[in-house]
Structure formats: structure tokens, C-alpha cells
Amino acid sequence: MTLILVLGLLAAQVASLLLHLQERAAMVAAGHAHPGLPAFDALPLRFMWHVSLTLTAVIVVSLIAVRWATKPLQQMATAATAFAHDLDAPPLEASGPIEVRHAAEAFNFMQQRLRRLVVERSRALAAVSHDLRTPLTRMRLRAVTGKPPASFPCA
């Protein structure tokens, strides 16, 4: 988008330059400018102001466009950092250019899958821990008393 803007303004500057060179040719024909001067030395002062103002406008608009395009990427980096510290961080808002929206949607999908993975891992560890309590308790009782507990059948 910025490239299109810059190319459009550059084309406008070239057209303006051609018009001013025609104006200089008319000034030379009327005798108001010395014909021996190079074409760019006798350009009118208003053309120089026009070029300066257009260049300033292009730089300002380009900086604004770049900030607009990169702001969602900065938000994505902030969301990734927040998610690294807190699994319950809110999902990222999908905004900005289409590529950034797709990346934000992929980030949110990854965030959901990681949350599910952590929950499933915790559930599996709790189940394993529960399943191991009985044999560990039997082994502890056997170690303390030297014989298996009466309430448990010996295997």
C-alpha cells in the first residue's frame, strides 16, 4: 500500500517537473531566462517548494502507514509474551492486514491447543498419581511392619 502511494506521488512529481520544464522553455522564449543555463538551474522557486512539501508528505504518510501495518505485529508479540507468563491470557484480537489477521488466528489456535495440552497433561499426571498411591501405600506398610497388610490380598 505504501509502495503504491509513493509511486503515485513520484509520478505526480515527474508530471509536475515536466510542466515546470515547459514553463522554463516558455520563459527562455520570452527572454526572461538565460538560454545557456542548464534546465534544472532555472526552475521556479515554487517548484522547489512543491517538491519539498510533497517529499515531506510522502515521508509522513509512509511512516504512518508503516506504523499502522506493524501495530498488530507488535500486539502479537505482546500477546505471546503475556501467554508465556500466563496460560489464561486473553486471545489476541485479529486486526490489521489480512496476513496479520491470519497470523493472529493461528496464534489464537495455538494458544487454545496449548491450554488443552496442559489441562490433559495435568489430568494424566493426577490419574497416574492416584493409581500409584495404593501400591506405594502397600509397599510403605510392608516396609514398616515387615508383612503385608491383612486387608489387602497378597499378589
Protein backbone atom coordinates (compact mmCIF):
# COMPACT_ATOMS: atom_id res chain seq x y z
CA MET A 1 0.00 0.00 0.00
CA THR A 2 2.79 2.38 0.90
CA LEU A 3 4.62 1.47 -2.28
CA ILE A 4 1.55 2.37 -4.38
CA LEU A 5 1.28 5.70 -2.56
CA VAL A 6 4.95 6.50 -3.10
CA LEU A 7 4.81 5.52 -6.79
CA GLY A 8 1.70 7.66 -7.32
CA LEU A 9 3.31 10.68 -5.70
CA LEU A 10 6.51 10.10 -7.65
CA ALA A 11 4.53 10.04 -10.90
CA ALA A 12 2.85 13.31 -9.86
CA GLN A 13 6.28 14.84 -9.22
CA VAL A 14 7.54 13.76 -12.66
CA ALA A 15 4.46 15.28 -14.29
CA SER A 16 4.97 18.47 -12.29
CA LEU A 17 8.64 18.58 -13.32
CA LEU A 18 7.71 18.23 -16.99
CA LEU A 19 5.19 21.07 -16.68
CA HIS A 20 7.77 23.29 -15.00
CA LEU A 21 10.35 22.50 -17.67
CA GLN A 22 7.79 23.58 -20.28
CA GLU A 23 7.26 26.75 -18.24
CA ARG A 24 11.03 27.32 -18.28
CA ALA A 25 11.10 26.84 -22.05
CA ALA A 26 8.38 29.48 -22.32
CA MET A 27 10.45 31.79 -20.05
CA VAL A 28 13.52 31.29 -22.28
CA ALA A 29 11.43 32.01 -25.39
CA ALA A 30 10.09 35.19 -23.77
CA GLY A 31 13.63 36.27 -22.82
CA HIS A 32 13.10 36.08 -19.04
CA ALA A 33 15.70 33.32 -18.51
CA HIS A 34 19.16 32.81 -19.91
CA PRO A 35 19.12 30.04 -22.53
CA GLY A 36 22.61 28.82 -21.64
CA LEU A 37 21.66 27.73 -18.09
CA PRO A 38 21.00 24.05 -17.54
CA ALA A 39 17.31 23.21 -17.31
CA PHE A 40 17.34 22.41 -13.60
CA ASP A 41 19.19 25.58 -12.55
CA ALA A 42 16.39 27.87 -13.67
CA LEU A 43 13.47 26.01 -12.11
CA PRO A 44 10.96 28.27 -10.39
CA LEU A 45 11.14 28.55 -6.61
CA ARG A 46 7.55 27.34 -6.24
CA PHE A 47 8.53 24.05 -7.90
CA MET A 48 11.27 23.56 -5.29
CA TRP A 49 8.72 24.25 -2.53
CA HIS A 50 6.30 21.84 -4.20
CA VAL A 51 8.92 19.07 -4.30
CA SER A 52 9.92 19.71 -0.68
CA LEU A 53 6.35 19.68 0.60
CA THR A 54 5.48 16.56 -1.41
CA LEU A 55 8.57 14.77 -0.17
CA THR A 56 7.68 15.69 3.42
CA ALA A 57 4.10 14.48 2.89
CA VAL A 58 5.32 11.19 1.41
CA ILE A 59 7.64 10.58 4.35
CA VAL A 60 4.94 11.41 6.93
CA VAL A 61 2.26 9.29 5.22
CA SER A 62 4.74 6.41 4.77
CA LEU A 63 5.67 6.48 8.46
CA ILE A 64 2.00 6.49 9.46
CA ALA A 65 1.24 3.61 7.07
CA VAL A 66 4.16 1.57 8.36
CA ARG A 67 3.11 2.16 11.97
CA TRP A 68 -0.46 1.15 11.07
CA ALA A 69 0.74 -2.03 9.38
CA THR A 70 3.16 -3.06 12.13
CA LYS A 71 0.97 -2.25 15.16
CA PRO A 72 -0.85 -5.64 15.01
CA LEU A 73 2.54 -7.39 14.88
CA GLN A 74 3.60 -5.53 17.98
CA GLN A 75 0.33 -6.56 19.67
CA MET A 76 1.00 -10.17 18.66
CA ALA A 77 4.45 -10.04 20.24
CA THR A 78 2.95 -8.58 23.42
CA ALA A 79 0.26 -11.29 23.47
CA ALA A 80 2.89 -14.01 23.00
CA THR A 81 4.89 -12.65 25.93
CA ALA A 82 1.75 -12.44 28.09
CA PHE A 83 0.82 -16.01 27.16
CA ALA A 84 4.29 -17.22 28.06
CA HIS A 85 3.78 -15.86 31.60
CA ASP A 86 0.06 -16.68 31.99
CA LEU A 87 -1.77 -19.57 30.30
CA ASP A 88 -5.09 -17.82 30.90
CA ALA A 89 -4.10 -14.71 28.92
CA PRO A 90 -6.93 -13.45 26.69
CA PRO A 91 -6.83 -14.34 22.98
CA LEU A 92 -5.35 -11.89 20.51
CA GLU A 93 -7.67 -9.61 18.55
CA ALA A 94 -7.40 -10.37 14.82
CA SER A 95 -6.96 -6.96 13.17
CA GLY A 96 -4.77 -5.27 10.59
CA PRO A 97 -3.75 -6.50 7.15
CA ILE A 98 -5.05 -9.92 6.09
CA GLU A 99 -1.70 -11.64 6.60
CA VAL A 100 -1.50 -10.35 10.16
CA ARG A 101 -5.12 -11.44 10.82
CA HIS A 102 -4.25 -14.95 9.62
CA ALA A 103 -1.20 -14.97 11.89
CA ALA A 104 -3.34 -13.78 14.84
CA GLU A 105 -5.90 -16.53 14.18
CA ALA A 106 -3.10 -19.11 14.03
CA PHE A 107 -1.69 -17.72 17.29
CA ASN A 108 -5.11 -18.00 18.98
CA PHE A 109 -5.50 -21.58 17.71
CA MET A 110 -2.05 -22.47 19.03
CA GLN A 111 -2.93 -20.86 22.37
CA GLN A 112 -6.11 -22.99 22.65
CA ARG A 113 -4.24 -26.19 21.80
CA LEU A 114 -1.51 -25.46 24.36
CA ARG A 115 -4.13 -24.81 27.04
CA ARG A 116 -5.83 -28.13 26.23
CA LEU A 117 -2.46 -29.91 26.26
CA VAL A 118 -1.61 -28.54 29.70
CA VAL A 119 -5.04 -29.49 31.08
CA GLU A 120 -4.77 -33.02 29.62
CA ARG A 121 -1.24 -33.40 30.97
CA SER A 122 -2.37 -32.33 34.44
CA ARG A 123 -5.28 -34.77 34.28
CA ALA A 124 -2.97 -37.62 33.19
CA LEU A 125 -0.49 -36.86 35.99
CA ALA A 126 -3.32 -36.79 38.53
CA ALA A 127 -4.58 -40.17 37.26
CA VAL A 128 -1.10 -41.73 37.41
CA SER A 129 -0.57 -40.30 40.87
CA HIS A 130 -3.89 -41.73 42.03
CA ASP A 131 -3.13 -45.14 40.50
CA LEU A 132 0.27 -45.29 42.21
CA ARG A 133 -0.96 -44.38 45.68
CA THR A 134 -2.29 -47.86 46.52
CA PRO A 135 0.86 -49.80 45.58
CA LEU A 136 3.06 -47.21 47.27
CA THR A 137 0.96 -47.37 50.43
CA ARG A 138 1.22 -51.18 50.43
CA MET A 139 4.98 -51.00 50.00
CA ARG A 140 5.25 -48.45 52.80
CA LEU A 141 3.19 -50.64 55.16
CA ARG A 142 5.21 -53.69 54.21
CA ALA A 143 8.44 -51.81 54.91
CA VAL A 144 7.22 -50.59 58.31
CA THR A 145 5.61 -53.82 59.56
CA GLY A 146 7.61 -56.37 57.67
CA LYS A 147 4.46 -58.18 56.47
CA PRO A 148 1.66 -57.38 54.01
CA PRO A 149 -1.46 -55.67 55.37
CA ALA A 150 -4.30 -58.07 56.26
CA SER A 151 -6.94 -56.10 54.40
CA PHE A 152 -5.10 -56.31 51.08
CA PRO A 153 -4.75 -59.60 49.22
CA CYS A 154 -1.14 -60.56 48.56
CA ALA A 155 -0.16 -60.63 44.96
